[in-house]
């Protein structure tokens, strides 16, 4: 399982890399020399991206499961 924001996803290495990138983005936001309001907006955007990524990874997982469940046509 990889944690993205407050979300958990499980897609192996892809999920781990994506989760690490989003986590690193949060670290960068923390280090930026910007005011509280700008930091809040950036964090809000980062969480929105995390939600989108979670939704896309769930769709990929569902598609992979459907594909695996279909009988082979060979």
C-alpha atoms as a PDB file:
ATOM      1  CA  UNK A   1       0.000   0.000   0.000  1.00  0.00           C
ATOM      2  CA  UNK A   2       1.126   3.503  -0.721  1.00  0.00           C
ATOM      3  CA  UNK A   3      -0.329   6.521   0.998  1.00  0.00           C
ATOM      4  CA  UNK A   4      -1.130   9.632  -0.990  1.00  0.00           C
ATOM      5  CA  UNK A   5      -2.391  12.406   1.203  1.00  0.00           C
ATOM      6  CA  UNK A   6      -5.089  10.696   3.238  1.00  0.00           C
ATOM      7  CA  UNK A   7      -5.620   8.013   0.595  1.00  0.00           C
ATOM      8  CA  UNK A   8      -4.262   4.504   0.236  1.00  0.00           C
ATOM      9  CA  UNK A   9      -3.698   2.808  -3.089  1.00  0.00           C
ATOM     10  CA  UNK A  10      -2.171  -0.486  -4.077  1.00  0.00           C
ATOM     11  CA  UNK A  11      -0.679  -0.814  -7.539  1.00  0.00           C
ATOM     12  CA  UNK A  12       2.842  -1.862  -6.732  1.00  0.00           C
ATOM     13  CA  UNK A  13       5.836   0.141  -7.911  1.00  0.00           C
ATOM     14  CA  UNK A  14       3.798   2.688  -9.890  1.00  0.00           C
ATOM     15  CA  UNK A  15       1.787   3.664  -6.835  1.00  0.00           C
ATOM     16  CA  UNK A  16       4.923   3.928  -4.715  1.00  0.00           C
ATOM     17  CA  UNK A  17       6.643   6.222  -7.198  1.00  0.00           C
ATOM     18  CA  UNK A  18       3.572   8.430  -7.555  1.00  0.00           C
ATOM     19  CA  UNK A  19       3.093   8.568  -3.781  1.00  0.00           C
ATOM     20  CA  UNK A  20       6.749   9.531  -3.320  1.00  0.00           C
ATOM     21  CA  UNK A  21       6.455  12.309  -5.909  1.00  0.00           C
ATOM     22  CA  UNK A  22       3.368  13.750  -4.255  1.00  0.00           C
ATOM     23  CA  UNK A  23       4.995  13.479  -0.813  1.00  0.00           C
ATOM     24  CA  UNK A  24       8.131  15.231  -2.110  1.00  0.00           C
ATOM     25  CA  UNK A  25       5.941  17.956  -3.576  1.00  0.00           C
ATOM     26  CA  UNK A  26       4.581  18.535  -0.061  1.00  0.00           C
ATOM     27  CA  UNK A  27       8.140  18.780   1.266  1.00  0.00           C
ATOM     28  CA  UNK A  28       8.995  21.348  -1.408  1.00  0.00           C
ATOM     29  CA  UNK A  29       5.885  23.366  -0.585  1.00  0.00           C
ATOM     30  CA  UNK A  30       6.954  23.415   3.069  1.00  0.00           C
ATOM     31  CA  UNK A  31      10.358  24.853   2.104  1.00  0.00           C
ATOM     32  CA  UNK A  32       9.111  27.598  -0.225  1.00  0.00           C
ATOM     33  CA  UNK A  33       9.610  31.160   1.004  1.00  0.00           C
ATOM     34  CA  UNK A  34       5.944  32.103   0.533  1.00  0.00           C
ATOM     35  CA  UNK A  35       3.237  33.366   2.830  1.00  0.00           C
ATOM     36  CA  UNK A  36       0.659  31.290   4.646  1.00  0.00           C
ATOM     37  CA  UNK A  37      -2.095  31.886   2.071  1.00  0.00           C
ATOM     38  CA  UNK A  38       0.094  30.867  -0.885  1.00  0.00           C
ATOM     39  CA  UNK A  39       1.255  27.753   0.983  1.00  0.00           C
ATOM     40  CA  UNK A  40      -2.363  26.844   1.778  1.00  0.00           C
ATOM     41  CA  UNK A  41      -3.334  27.178  -1.896  1.00  0.00           C
ATOM     42  CA  UNK A  42      -0.388  25.043  -3.006  1.00  0.00           C
ATOM     43  CA  UNK A  43      -1.244  22.357  -0.456  1.00  0.00           C
ATOM     44  CA  UNK A  44      -4.867  22.407  -1.577  1.00  0.00           C
ATOM     45  CA  UNK A  45      -3.744  21.919  -5.185  1.00  0.00           C
ATOM     46  CA  UNK A  46      -1.418  19.073  -4.144  1.00  0.00           C
ATOM     47  CA  UNK A  47      -4.283  17.265  -2.401  1.00  0.00           C
ATOM     48  CA  UNK A  48      -6.515  17.766  -5.430  1.00  0.00           C
ATOM     49  CA  UNK A  49      -3.811  16.188  -7.608  1.00  0.00           C
ATOM     50  CA  UNK A  50      -3.540  13.309  -5.138  1.00  0.00           C
ATOM     51  CA  UNK A  51      -7.285  12.662  -5.449  1.00  0.00           C
ATOM     52  CA  UNK A  52      -7.094  12.687  -9.243  1.00  0.00           C
ATOM     53  CA  UNK A  53      -4.142  10.307  -9.202  1.00  0.00           C
ATOM     54  CA  UNK A  54      -5.963   7.993  -6.803  1.00  0.00           C
ATOM     55  CA  UNK A  55      -9.016   7.913  -9.073  1.00  0.00           C
ATOM     56  CA  UNK A  56      -6.902   7.203 -12.163  1.00  0.00           C
ATOM     57  CA  UNK A  57      -4.978   4.412 -10.429  1.00  0.00           C
ATOM     58  CA  UNK A  58      -8.255   2.838  -9.279  1.00  0.00           C
ATOM     59  CA  UNK A  59      -9.502   2.900 -12.869  1.00  0.00           C
ATOM     60  CA  UNK A  60      -6.276   1.254 -14.030  1.00  0.00           C
ATOM     61  CA  UNK A  61      -6.591  -1.414 -11.350  1.00  0.00           C
ATOM     62  CA  UNK A  62     -10.220  -2.094 -12.314  1.00  0.00           C
ATOM     63  CA  UNK A  63      -9.303  -2.340 -15.977  1.00  0.00           C
ATOM     64  CA  UNK A  64      -6.487  -4.760 -15.172  1.00  0.00           C
ATOM     65  CA  UNK A  65      -8.839  -6.909 -13.080  1.00  0.00           C
ATOM     66  CA  UNK A  66     -11.468  -6.964 -15.849  1.00  0.00           C
ATOM     67  CA  UNK A  67      -8.822  -7.863 -18.386  1.00  0.00           C
ATOM     68  CA  UNK A  68      -7.508 -10.688 -16.201  1.00  0.00           C
ATOM     69  CA  UNK A  69     -11.043 -12.014 -15.666  1.00  0.00           C
ATOM     70  CA  UNK A  70     -11.804 -12.279 -19.397  1.00  0.00           C
ATOM     71  CA  UNK A  71     -11.078 -15.635 -21.013  1.00  0.00           C
ATOM     72  CA  UNK A  72      -8.141 -15.725 -23.394  1.00  0.00           C
ATOM     73  CA  UNK A  73      -9.043 -15.627 -27.107  1.00  0.00           C
ATOM     74  CA  UNK A  74      -5.949 -17.492 -28.278  1.00  0.00           C
END
